[in-house]
Amino acid sequence: MPAASQAGQDHRLATIEALTAEDVAAAILYAVSQPARVNVNEIVIRPTDQER
């Protein structure tokens, strides 16, 4: 990877706000607290400013 591309990638990754344990716990609590008629098959958790 060219140096400029690597520097851009490093900067982008450094600016992503990391998820906290509380963020993950809140998502899990949401999933397990749904009524029995609700089936949560999958949870994807990532920072909102992260690209796919």
N, C-alpha and C. Protein backbone atom coordinates (compact mmCIF):
# COMPACT_ATOMS: atom_id res chain seq x y z
N MET A 1 0.86 -1.17 0.00
CA MET A 1 0.00 0.00 0.00
C MET A 1 0.90 1.23 0.00
N PRO A 2 0.63 2.20 -0.88
CA PRO A 2 1.44 3.43 -0.89
C PRO A 2 1.37 4.14 0.46
N ALA A 3 2.43 4.88 0.78
CA ALA A 3 2.53 5.56 2.08
C ALA A 3 1.35 6.50 2.32
N ALA A 4 0.92 7.24 1.30
CA ALA A 4 -0.20 8.17 1.47
C ALA A 4 -1.48 7.41 1.79
N SER A 5 -1.70 6.29 1.12
CA SER A 5 -2.89 5.48 1.38
C SER A 5 -2.85 4.91 2.79
N GLN A 6 -1.68 4.44 3.21
CA GLN A 6 -1.53 3.88 4.55
C GLN A 6 -1.77 4.96 5.61
N ALA A 7 -1.25 6.16 5.37
CA ALA A 7 -1.43 7.26 6.31
C ALA A 7 -2.91 7.62 6.42
N GLY A 8 -3.61 7.65 5.29
CA GLY A 8 -5.04 7.93 5.31
C GLY A 8 -5.82 6.87 6.06
N GLN A 9 -5.47 5.63 5.83
CA GLN A 9 -6.11 4.50 6.52
C GLN A 9 -5.86 4.59 8.03
N ASP A 10 -4.63 4.86 8.41
CA ASP A 10 -4.29 4.97 9.83
C ASP A 10 -5.07 6.10 10.49
N HIS A 11 -5.18 7.24 9.80
CA HIS A 11 -5.92 8.38 10.35
C HIS A 11 -7.40 8.04 10.52
N ARG A 12 -7.97 7.41 9.51
CA ARG A 12 -9.40 7.04 9.57
C ARG A 12 -9.65 6.10 10.72
N LEU A 13 -8.81 5.10 10.89
CA LEU A 13 -9.00 4.15 11.98
C LEU A 13 -8.81 4.80 13.34
N ALA A 14 -7.91 5.78 13.42
CA ALA A 14 -7.65 6.45 14.69
C ALA A 14 -8.81 7.35 15.11
N THR A 15 -9.65 7.76 14.16
CA THR A 15 -10.76 8.66 14.50
C THR A 15 -12.06 7.95 14.80
N ILE A 16 -12.11 6.64 14.63
CA ILE A 16 -13.32 5.88 14.95
C ILE A 16 -13.45 5.75 16.46
N GLU A 17 -14.59 6.18 16.99
CA GLU A 17 -14.82 6.05 18.42
C GLU A 17 -15.13 4.58 18.74
N ALA A 18 -14.33 4.03 19.62
CA ALA A 18 -14.47 2.61 19.96
C ALA A 18 -15.76 2.36 20.72
N LEU A 19 -16.31 1.18 20.52
CA LEU A 19 -17.48 0.77 21.29
C LEU A 19 -17.05 0.47 22.73
N THR A 20 -17.98 0.64 23.64
CA THR A 20 -17.71 0.32 25.05
C THR A 20 -18.42 -1.00 25.40
N ALA A 21 -18.03 -1.55 26.52
CA ALA A 21 -18.70 -2.75 27.01
C ALA A 21 -20.18 -2.46 27.26
N GLU A 22 -20.48 -1.25 27.69
CA GLU A 22 -21.87 -0.87 27.95
C GLU A 22 -22.69 -0.85 26.66
N ASP A 23 -22.07 -0.45 25.55
CA ASP A 23 -22.76 -0.46 24.25
C ASP A 23 -23.17 -1.88 23.87
N VAL A 24 -22.26 -2.81 24.03
CA VAL A 24 -22.53 -4.20 23.69
C VAL A 24 -23.57 -4.78 24.66
N ALA A 25 -23.43 -4.48 25.94
CA ALA A 25 -24.38 -4.97 26.93
C ALA A 25 -25.79 -4.46 26.65
N ALA A 26 -25.92 -3.21 26.24
CA ALA A 26 -27.24 -2.66 25.94
C ALA A 26 -27.88 -3.38 24.76
N ALA A 27 -27.08 -3.72 23.75
CA ALA A 27 -27.62 -4.45 22.60
C ALA A 27 -28.07 -5.85 23.00
N ILE A 28 -27.30 -6.50 23.83
CA ILE A 28 -27.66 -7.85 24.30
C ILE A 28 -28.91 -7.78 25.16
N LEU A 29 -28.98 -6.81 26.05
CA LEU A 29 -30.17 -6.66 26.90
C LEU A 29 -31.41 -6.44 26.04
N TYR A 30 -31.29 -5.61 25.01
CA TYR A 30 -32.41 -5.40 24.09
C TYR A 30 -32.87 -6.74 23.50
N ALA A 31 -31.92 -7.54 23.01
CA ALA A 31 -32.27 -8.79 22.35
C ALA A 31 -32.94 -9.78 23.30
N VAL A 32 -32.40 -9.92 24.49
CA VAL A 32 -32.95 -10.93 25.41
C VAL A 32 -34.21 -10.46 26.13
N SER A 33 -34.52 -9.17 26.05
CA SER A 33 -35.71 -8.68 26.75
C SER A 33 -36.93 -8.58 25.84
N GLN A 34 -36.83 -9.06 24.62
CA GLN A 34 -37.97 -9.04 23.70
C GLN A 34 -38.98 -10.11 24.10
N PRO A 35 -40.25 -9.89 23.79
CA PRO A 35 -41.28 -10.90 24.10
C PRO A 35 -41.00 -12.20 23.35
N ALA A 36 -41.59 -13.26 23.82
CA ALA A 36 -41.36 -14.59 23.24
C ALA A 36 -41.73 -14.65 21.75
N ARG A 37 -42.60 -13.78 21.30
CA ARG A 37 -43.01 -13.81 19.89
C ARG A 37 -41.97 -13.18 18.96
N VAL A 38 -40.96 -12.56 19.55
CA VAL A 38 -39.91 -11.90 18.78
C VAL A 38 -38.68 -12.79 18.76
N ASN A 39 -38.16 -13.03 17.56
CA ASN A 39 -36.96 -13.85 17.41
C ASN A 39 -35.83 -12.96 16.88
N VAL A 40 -34.85 -12.73 17.70
CA VAL A 40 -33.68 -11.96 17.29
C VAL A 40 -32.63 -12.97 16.85
N ASN A 41 -32.44 -13.08 15.54
CA ASN A 41 -31.52 -14.07 15.00
C ASN A 41 -30.07 -13.62 14.97
N GLU A 42 -29.88 -12.33 14.84
CA GLU A 42 -28.52 -11.84 14.62
C GLU A 42 -28.41 -10.40 15.11
N ILE A 43 -27.28 -10.08 15.68
CA ILE A 43 -26.99 -8.72 16.08
C ILE A 43 -25.64 -8.35 15.49
N VAL A 44 -25.58 -7.23 14.80
CA VAL A 44 -24.32 -6.70 14.28
C VAL A 44 -24.09 -5.38 14.98
N ILE A 45 -22.96 -5.27 15.65
CA ILE A 45 -22.67 -4.05 16.39
C ILE A 45 -21.35 -3.50 15.87
N ARG A 46 -21.37 -2.22 15.46
CA ARG A 46 -20.14 -1.56 15.04
C ARG A 46 -20.30 -0.07 15.28
N PRO A 47 -19.21 0.65 15.38
CA PRO A 47 -19.31 2.10 15.56
C PRO A 47 -20.07 2.73 14.41
N THR A 48 -20.83 3.77 14.68
CA THR A 48 -21.65 4.39 13.64
C THR A 48 -20.82 5.04 12.54
N ASP A 49 -19.60 5.41 12.83
CA ASP A 49 -18.78 6.05 11.79
C ASP A 49 -17.89 5.06 11.05
N GLN A 50 -18.07 3.77 11.30
CA GLN A 50 -17.28 2.75 10.59
C GLN A 50 -17.94 2.43 9.27
N GLU A 51 -17.14 2.39 8.22
CA GLU A 51 -17.66 2.00 6.93
C GLU A 51 -17.74 0.48 6.85
N ARG A 52 -18.52 -0.01 5.91
CA ARG A 52 -18.63 -1.46 5.71
C ARG A 52 -17.38 -2.01 5.13
